[in-house]
Amino acid sequence: MKTIISAALISLAAGSAAFAAVQPIPGSITYDNANVQLEKAPAGSTFFHTFSNGDGRDVNEVYKVNADKTVTLVNRTISNAS
C-alpha cells in the first residue's frame, strides 16, 4: 500500500513540474527555436537574459545549460516598474 501511495505521489509531482514549466515568450532566447545550443558553456551552468517586453517593463530570465549543450528556461521575473 505504501508503495502505491509513494508511486502516485511521485507521478503527481513529476506531472506538476512539467505543467509548471516556464514557457518562452516573444524575446526569450528559445521562443522560436527550442534547440538553441551553446558551444563553450559547461553543462549545469546557468546564465541570465534580460529584455524589454514592449510595455516598458524588463523581463529577466534564467536559463540552464543541459548536458547536450541545449538550454532550458527555468525562471522568469518581470519588473513592476513601467
C-alpha atoms as a PDB file:
ATOM      1  CA  MET A   1       0.000   0.000   0.000  1.00  0.00           C
ATOM      2  CA  LYS A   2       2.811   2.408   0.892  1.00  0.00           C
ATOM      3  CA  THR A   3       4.471   1.631  -2.431  1.00  0.00           C
ATOM      4  CA  ILE A   4       1.322   2.526  -4.363  1.00  0.00           C
ATOM      5  CA  ILE A   5       0.897   5.787  -2.483  1.00  0.00           C
ATOM      6  CA  SER A   6       4.573   6.672  -2.983  1.00  0.00           C
ATOM      7  CA  ALA A   7       4.354   5.922  -6.705  1.00  0.00           C
ATOM      8  CA  ALA A   8       1.215   8.043  -7.014  1.00  0.00           C
ATOM      9  CA  LEU A   9       2.856  10.990  -5.240  1.00  0.00           C
ATOM     10  CA  ILE A  10       5.972  10.758  -7.408  1.00  0.00           C
ATOM     11  CA  SER A  11       3.831  10.673 -10.564  1.00  0.00           C
ATOM     12  CA  LEU A  12       1.829  13.661  -9.376  1.00  0.00           C
ATOM     13  CA  ALA A  13       4.987  15.641  -8.596  1.00  0.00           C
ATOM     14  CA  ALA A  14       6.525  14.821 -11.986  1.00  0.00           C
ATOM     15  CA  GLY A  15       3.359  15.846 -13.799  1.00  0.00           C
ATOM     16  CA  SER A  16       3.102  19.073 -11.807  1.00  0.00           C
ATOM     17  CA  ALA A  17       6.684  20.008 -12.597  1.00  0.00           C
ATOM     18  CA  ALA A  18       6.101  19.551 -16.318  1.00  0.00           C
ATOM     19  CA  PHE A  19       2.877  21.532 -16.171  1.00  0.00           C
ATOM     20  CA  ALA A  20       4.526  24.394 -14.273  1.00  0.00           C
ATOM     21  CA  ALA A  21       7.458  24.699 -16.673  1.00  0.00           C
ATOM     22  CA  VAL A  22       8.176  28.267 -17.770  1.00  0.00           C
ATOM     23  CA  GLN A  23       7.115  28.764 -21.396  1.00  0.00           C
ATOM     24  CA  PRO A  24       9.076  31.040 -23.764  1.00  0.00           C
ATOM     25  CA  ILE A  25       7.527  34.390 -24.707  1.00  0.00           C
ATOM     26  CA  PRO A  26       8.485  36.794 -27.504  1.00  0.00           C
ATOM     27  CA  GLY A  27      12.003  37.967 -26.657  1.00  0.00           C
ATOM     28  CA  SER A  28      13.023  34.721 -24.937  1.00  0.00           C
ATOM     29  CA  ILE A  29      16.096  33.009 -26.374  1.00  0.00           C
ATOM     30  CA  THR A  30      14.126  29.822 -27.040  1.00  0.00           C
ATOM     31  CA  TYR A  31      10.893  31.471 -28.281  1.00  0.00           C
ATOM     32  CA  ASP A  32      11.084  30.420 -31.941  1.00  0.00           C
ATOM     33  CA  ASN A  33      13.933  27.913 -31.621  1.00  0.00           C
ATOM     34  CA  ALA A  34      13.793  25.390 -28.790  1.00  0.00           C
ATOM     35  CA  ASN A  35      17.062  23.779 -29.975  1.00  0.00           C
ATOM     36  CA  VAL A  36      19.437  26.611 -29.072  1.00  0.00           C
ATOM     37  CA  GLN A  37      22.888  25.209 -28.287  1.00  0.00           C
ATOM     38  CA  LEU A  38      25.907  26.801 -26.645  1.00  0.00           C
ATOM     39  CA  GLU A  39      29.437  25.820 -27.622  1.00  0.00           C
ATOM     40  CA  LYS A  40      31.568  26.613 -24.569  1.00  0.00           C
ATOM     41  CA  ALA A  41      29.233  26.775 -21.568  1.00  0.00           C
ATOM     42  CA  PRO A  42      29.654  23.925 -19.081  1.00  0.00           C
ATOM     43  CA  ALA A  43      26.687  21.614 -18.515  1.00  0.00           C
ATOM     44  CA  GLY A  44      24.713  22.563 -15.419  1.00  0.00           C
ATOM     45  CA  SER A  45      25.713  26.220 -15.541  1.00  0.00           C
ATOM     46  CA  THR A  46      23.131  28.999 -15.651  1.00  0.00           C
ATOM     47  CA  PHE A  47      23.013  32.357 -17.349  1.00  0.00           C
ATOM     48  CA  PHE A  48      20.707  35.374 -17.424  1.00  0.00           C
ATOM     49  CA  HIS A  49      18.895  37.031 -20.311  1.00  0.00           C
ATOM     50  CA  THR A  50      17.198  40.438 -19.923  1.00  0.00           C
ATOM     51  CA  PHE A  51      14.955  42.169 -22.447  1.00  0.00           C
ATOM     52  CA  SER A  52      12.091  44.665 -22.599  1.00  0.00           C
ATOM     53  CA  ASN A  53       8.623  43.198 -23.075  1.00  0.00           C
ATOM     54  CA  GLY A  54       7.287  46.117 -25.100  1.00  0.00           C
ATOM     55  CA  ASP A  55       5.374  47.965 -22.366  1.00  0.00           C
ATOM     56  CA  GLY A  56       8.489  49.355 -20.699  1.00  0.00           C
ATOM     57  CA  ARG A  57       8.980  46.544 -18.201  1.00  0.00           C
ATOM     58  CA  ASP A  58      12.145  44.455 -18.060  1.00  0.00           C
ATOM     59  CA  VAL A  59      11.918  40.688 -18.289  1.00  0.00           C
ATOM     60  CA  ASN A  60      14.705  38.744 -16.548  1.00  0.00           C
ATOM     61  CA  GLU A  61      15.095  35.081 -17.471  1.00  0.00           C
ATOM     62  CA  VAL A  62      17.383  32.366 -16.140  1.00  0.00           C
ATOM     63  CA  TYR A  63      18.499  29.539 -18.414  1.00  0.00           C
ATOM     64  CA  LYS A  64      20.247  26.269 -17.533  1.00  0.00           C
ATOM     65  CA  VAL A  65      22.740  24.566 -19.868  1.00  0.00           C
ATOM     66  CA  ASN A  66      21.900  20.880 -20.354  1.00  0.00           C
ATOM     67  CA  ALA A  67      24.405  18.044 -20.861  1.00  0.00           C
ATOM     68  CA  ASP A  68      23.778  18.115 -24.635  1.00  0.00           C
ATOM     69  CA  LYS A  69      24.573  21.879 -24.704  1.00  0.00           C
ATOM     70  CA  THR A  70      20.926  22.872 -25.271  1.00  0.00           C
ATOM     71  CA  VAL A  71      19.381  25.402 -22.895  1.00  0.00           C
ATOM     72  CA  THR A  72      16.250  25.249 -20.753  1.00  0.00           C
ATOM     73  CA  LEU A  73      14.311  28.255 -19.491  1.00  0.00           C
ATOM     74  CA  VAL A  74      13.984  27.743 -15.729  1.00  0.00           C
ATOM     75  CA  ASN A  75      12.753  31.062 -14.309  1.00  0.00           C
ATOM     76  CA  ARG A  76      11.292  34.404 -15.369  1.00  0.00           C
ATOM     77  CA  THR A  77      10.597  37.607 -13.460  1.00  0.00           C
ATOM     78  CA  ILE A  78       9.032  40.774 -14.818  1.00  0.00           C
ATOM     79  CA  SER A  79       9.748  44.120 -13.224  1.00  0.00           C
ATOM     80  CA  ASN A  80       6.783  46.113 -11.929  1.00  0.00           C
ATOM     81  CA  ALA A  81       8.249  49.492 -12.833  1.00  0.00           C
ATOM     82  CA  SER A  82       6.958  50.890 -16.088  1.00  0.00           C
END
